[in-house]
Structures are given as C-alpha cells and as structure tokens.
Amino acid sequence: MIKSVRRLAPLCAFALLLNAGEPLVVDATQTKVEFTLPSLLHTVHGEFRLKRGTLSFDSASGKLSGELVIDATSGETGSPSRDKRMHSAILESARYPEITFRPDRVEGNVLNSGKSQVQLHGIFSIHGADHELLVPAAIDAANGDYSVTATFEVPYVKWGMKNPSTLMLRVSDKVEIRVQTRLSGNSTAHSGN
C-alpha cells in the first residue's frame, strides 16, 4: 500500500501543478518551428527559432494562457537570396520581428500520462495583425513533461502578406507550419531567454 502511494505521489503532485495553472516552460533547445511552402516546381522548406515561451494550463477548466514567441528574423530556407526576399518583401521582419501564439484554451482532454489529441485555441500574431486560430495538436505526456506537435496552415496572402510567385514560379498562398516542442514544469528548462 505504501509503495502504491509513493508511486502515485509524483503523479498527484503534477496533477495539482496543472490544476493550479503553474507555468510550464517551453524548452527552446528542444523546439523546432518548421515551414513548408508548396510550389509547382519545388517545395520550399525552412525553419524559425523560438525566442521564448511559457504557458500555464488549468486541466479542470481547459484554460491555457501564456505565449510562444518566434523570432521572425531567424527564418531560413537555405537560400540566402530567397531568405532576403522573404524577410524584406513578405514577412517584413525588420518591421515585425516577432511571430506570437497566445493560446487561451485547450479543446479536448490532456492526459497526465500517454498520448492525447487536442485543439489549441488562441491568437496568432504575424505581420502586425492578430488572427484567431484553432491548432490541432498531439501531446505525449510522461514524468511531468509534455512533448507537443502541432501542424497548421497560415493563409499568409489572405492575411496581408505578399505572394512570392513570379511569372515562372507559382507557389501556394498558404504555408504549412509544424511546431515540435517540449513543455516542462521544471523551471530549469531553457526558455530561450
């Protein structure tokens, strides 16, 4: 009986941590923000770096708060000329240096251990404008940490950014974003600050 209580104690403590809405630190060293832009001839792949991130989650209400901040100026595709155009003409990253996601709730149940499929609702800010977004996410919880993978589309042209298509090269007006990260209740995780 005492062994069972000892085994459950960490799980109960973590459940209390979640219910209390304690901060979960986003580990910048284990975060990937990748994008894919399809085109007729060549699909462009690239990535951004996480600047910082902290979230608080109340599992009883599903309320989620905090923010993930991406360094818009860090975007790279592997082609310096394409990157220069992306930063100057499309993202205008000198003027809008951050891309943020400020979640406000989780739709679905997040398990304390194992895999969960949920939707994260919040405000996605890019290019100086806020956009309501519902992001599908896969969560794998273990030992007080959460591994999260979210993939969603950004209709960048509809949201006021230029389409980089040329006469010879036609690209999609939507870019796919894939975020993989690890959240930890451990304050020693690297938040990117």
Protein backbone atom coordinates (compact mmCIF):
# COMPACT_ATOMS: atom_id res chain seq x y z
CA MET A 1 0.00 0.00 0.00
CA ILE A 2 2.78 2.44 0.94
CA LYS A 3 4.59 1.61 -2.34
CA SER A 4 1.41 2.40 -4.28
CA VAL A 5 1.05 5.74 -2.52
CA ARG A 6 4.71 6.56 -3.22
CA ARG A 7 4.23 5.73 -6.89
CA LEU A 8 1.12 7.89 -7.15
CA ALA A 9 2.57 10.84 -5.22
CA PRO A 10 4.52 12.33 -8.17
CA LEU A 11 1.50 11.95 -10.46
CA CYS A 12 -0.77 13.63 -7.90
CA ALA A 13 1.75 16.42 -7.40
CA PHE A 14 1.89 17.00 -11.16
CA ALA A 15 -1.91 16.96 -11.42
CA LEU A 16 -2.00 19.63 -8.71
CA LEU A 17 0.61 21.61 -10.63
CA LEU A 18 -1.54 21.51 -13.76
CA ASN A 19 -4.75 22.28 -11.89
CA ALA A 20 -3.12 25.23 -10.17
CA GLY A 21 -2.14 26.70 -13.55
CA GLU A 22 1.56 26.72 -12.68
CA PRO A 23 3.84 27.77 -15.54
CA LEU A 24 5.11 25.21 -17.99
CA VAL A 25 8.38 26.32 -19.57
CA VAL A 26 8.87 25.76 -23.29
CA ASP A 27 12.30 24.23 -23.82
CA ALA A 28 13.86 26.27 -26.64
CA THR A 29 16.64 23.70 -27.07
CA GLN A 30 14.01 21.07 -27.90
CA THR A 31 11.78 23.25 -30.06
CA LYS A 32 11.57 23.14 -33.86
CA VAL A 33 9.46 25.54 -35.88
CA GLU A 34 9.47 24.39 -39.49
CA PHE A 35 7.57 25.64 -42.52
CA THR A 36 6.76 24.21 -45.92
CA LEU A 37 5.65 26.26 -48.93
CA PRO A 38 4.47 24.12 -51.85
CA SER A 39 5.01 25.24 -55.44
CA LEU A 40 4.62 23.75 -58.89
CA LEU A 41 8.32 23.03 -59.39
CA HIS A 42 9.91 22.97 -55.96
CA THR A 43 8.68 22.81 -52.36
CA VAL A 44 10.45 25.25 -50.07
CA HIS A 45 11.35 24.06 -46.56
CA GLY A 46 12.61 26.31 -43.81
CA GLU A 47 12.72 26.94 -40.11
CA PHE A 48 12.49 29.62 -37.42
CA ARG A 49 13.88 29.78 -33.88
CA LEU A 50 11.85 30.06 -30.71
CA LYS A 51 12.65 33.27 -28.85
CA ARG A 52 10.79 32.43 -25.62
CA GLY A 53 7.75 30.66 -24.30
CA THR A 54 5.86 29.98 -21.10
CA LEU A 55 2.37 28.54 -20.73
CA SER A 56 0.02 27.94 -17.81
CA PHE A 57 -2.65 25.26 -18.07
CA ASP A 58 -5.65 24.53 -15.83
CA SER A 59 -6.76 20.99 -16.68
CA ALA A 60 -10.06 21.38 -14.80
CA SER A 61 -11.28 24.30 -16.95
CA GLY A 62 -9.15 23.75 -20.08
CA LYS A 63 -7.87 27.33 -19.75
CA LEU A 64 -4.46 27.88 -21.28
CA SER A 65 -2.52 31.14 -21.09
CA GLY A 66 0.92 32.48 -21.88
CA GLU A 67 2.68 32.86 -25.19
CA LEU A 68 5.12 31.34 -27.63
CA VAL A 69 7.31 33.93 -29.36
CA ILE A 70 9.13 33.09 -32.58
CA ASP A 71 11.98 35.23 -33.88
CA ALA A 72 10.70 36.23 -37.34
CA THR A 73 14.17 37.45 -38.30
CA SER A 74 15.59 33.93 -37.80
CA GLY A 75 13.68 32.40 -40.75
CA GLU A 76 15.95 30.43 -43.09
CA THR A 77 15.33 28.29 -46.17
CA GLY A 78 18.90 27.51 -47.17
CA SER A 79 18.93 30.07 -49.99
CA PRO A 80 20.33 33.48 -48.98
CA SER A 81 18.63 35.32 -51.87
CA ARG A 82 15.25 33.68 -51.15
CA ASP A 83 15.67 34.42 -47.42
CA LYS A 84 16.46 38.07 -48.14
CA ARG A 85 13.30 38.40 -50.21
CA MET A 86 11.22 36.54 -47.59
CA HIS A 87 12.39 38.92 -44.86
CA SER A 88 12.20 42.17 -46.84
CA ALA A 89 9.12 41.72 -49.06
CA ILE A 90 6.90 39.07 -47.43
CA LEU A 91 7.42 38.91 -43.66
CA GLU A 92 8.91 42.41 -43.38
CA SER A 93 10.72 41.00 -40.36
CA ALA A 94 12.67 44.21 -39.64
CA ARG A 95 9.31 45.90 -39.05
CA TYR A 96 7.58 42.85 -37.48
CA PRO A 97 10.39 40.93 -35.71
CA GLU A 98 8.15 38.55 -33.71
CA ILE A 99 5.51 35.97 -34.50
CA THR A 100 3.45 35.01 -31.45
CA PHE A 101 0.82 32.49 -30.45
CA ARG A 102 -1.17 33.36 -27.34
CA PRO A 103 -3.37 30.38 -26.53
CA ASP A 104 -6.45 30.76 -24.34
CA ARG A 105 -7.89 27.25 -24.11
CA VAL A 106 -7.47 23.57 -24.88
CA GLU A 107 -10.33 21.74 -26.55
CA GLY A 108 -10.16 18.08 -25.56
CA ASN A 109 -8.64 16.22 -22.64
CA VAL A 110 -4.92 16.26 -21.91
CA LEU A 111 -3.89 13.05 -20.20
CA ASN A 112 -1.34 13.21 -17.37
CA SER A 113 0.41 10.25 -18.97
CA GLY A 114 0.25 8.98 -22.54
CA LYS A 115 -0.98 10.42 -25.81
CA SER A 116 -3.73 13.00 -26.30
CA GLN A 117 -5.20 14.63 -29.40
CA VAL A 118 -6.47 18.15 -28.69
CA GLN A 119 -7.04 21.52 -30.32
CA LEU A 120 -5.34 24.67 -29.06
CA HIS A 121 -7.38 27.86 -29.48
CA GLY A 122 -5.72 31.25 -29.40
CA ILE A 123 -4.49 34.34 -31.18
CA PHE A 124 -1.72 34.03 -33.78
CA SER A 125 0.03 37.36 -34.43
CA ILE A 126 2.08 37.80 -37.58
CA HIS A 127 2.95 40.78 -39.78
CA GLY A 128 1.35 43.22 -37.31
CA ALA A 129 -2.08 41.58 -37.21
CA ASP A 130 -3.91 39.19 -34.88
CA HIS A 131 -5.73 36.12 -36.20
CA GLU A 132 -7.91 33.68 -34.28
CA LEU A 133 -6.60 30.16 -34.76
CA LEU A 134 -7.58 26.63 -33.77
CA VAL A 135 -4.50 24.40 -33.93
CA PRO A 136 -4.66 20.57 -33.86
CA ALA A 137 -2.02 19.19 -31.50
CA ALA A 138 -0.70 15.79 -30.50
CA ILE A 139 0.55 15.65 -26.91
CA ASP A 140 2.62 12.90 -25.31
CA ALA A 141 2.87 13.26 -21.52
CA ALA A 142 5.41 11.47 -19.35
CA ASN A 143 7.05 12.22 -16.00
CA GLY A 144 5.74 15.77 -15.80
CA ASP A 145 6.85 16.76 -19.29
CA TYR A 146 4.75 17.22 -22.41
CA SER A 147 6.00 16.67 -25.95
CA VAL A 148 3.75 18.63 -28.28
CA THR A 149 3.49 18.51 -32.08
CA ALA A 150 1.17 20.92 -33.88
CA THR A 151 0.74 21.35 -37.62
CA PHE A 152 -1.41 24.06 -39.17
CA GLU A 153 -1.75 26.27 -42.24
CA VAL A 154 -1.23 30.01 -42.38
CA PRO A 155 -3.09 31.69 -45.27
CA TYR A 156 -0.40 34.36 -45.50
CA VAL A 157 -1.75 36.06 -48.64
CA LYS A 158 -5.24 36.32 -47.14
CA TRP A 159 -3.61 37.78 -44.02
CA GLY A 160 -1.99 40.62 -45.98
CA MET A 161 1.44 39.33 -46.94
CA LYS A 162 2.74 39.25 -50.48
CA ASN A 163 2.76 36.08 -52.56
CA PRO A 164 6.35 35.47 -53.74
CA SER A 165 5.18 33.89 -57.01
CA THR A 166 6.88 35.02 -60.18
CA LEU A 167 6.00 34.55 -63.84
CA MET A 168 7.89 31.24 -63.92
CA LEU A 169 7.41 30.03 -60.33
CA ARG A 170 3.98 29.67 -58.75
CA VAL A 171 3.75 28.99 -55.03
CA SER A 172 0.82 28.26 -52.76
CA ASP A 173 -0.94 31.11 -50.98
CA LYS A 174 -0.78 29.07 -47.76
CA VAL A 175 2.26 27.93 -45.80
CA GLU A 176 2.26 24.88 -43.54
CA ILE A 177 3.77 25.38 -40.08
CA ARG A 178 4.91 22.48 -37.89
CA VAL A 179 5.90 23.10 -34.28
CA GLN A 180 7.51 20.42 -32.14
CA THR A 181 8.36 21.31 -28.57
CA ARG A 182 8.68 20.10 -25.02
CA LEU A 183 6.93 21.71 -22.05
CA SER A 184 8.24 21.20 -18.57
CA GLY A 185 7.12 22.21 -15.09
CA ASN A 186 10.84 22.31 -14.30
CA SER A 187 11.98 25.92 -14.17
CA THR A 188 15.49 24.92 -15.25
CA ALA A 189 14.34 24.15 -18.80
CA HIS A 190 15.76 26.53 -21.41
CA SER A 191 13.04 29.06 -22.22
CA GLY A 192 15.07 30.85 -24.88
CA ASN A 193 15.67 33.99 -22.82
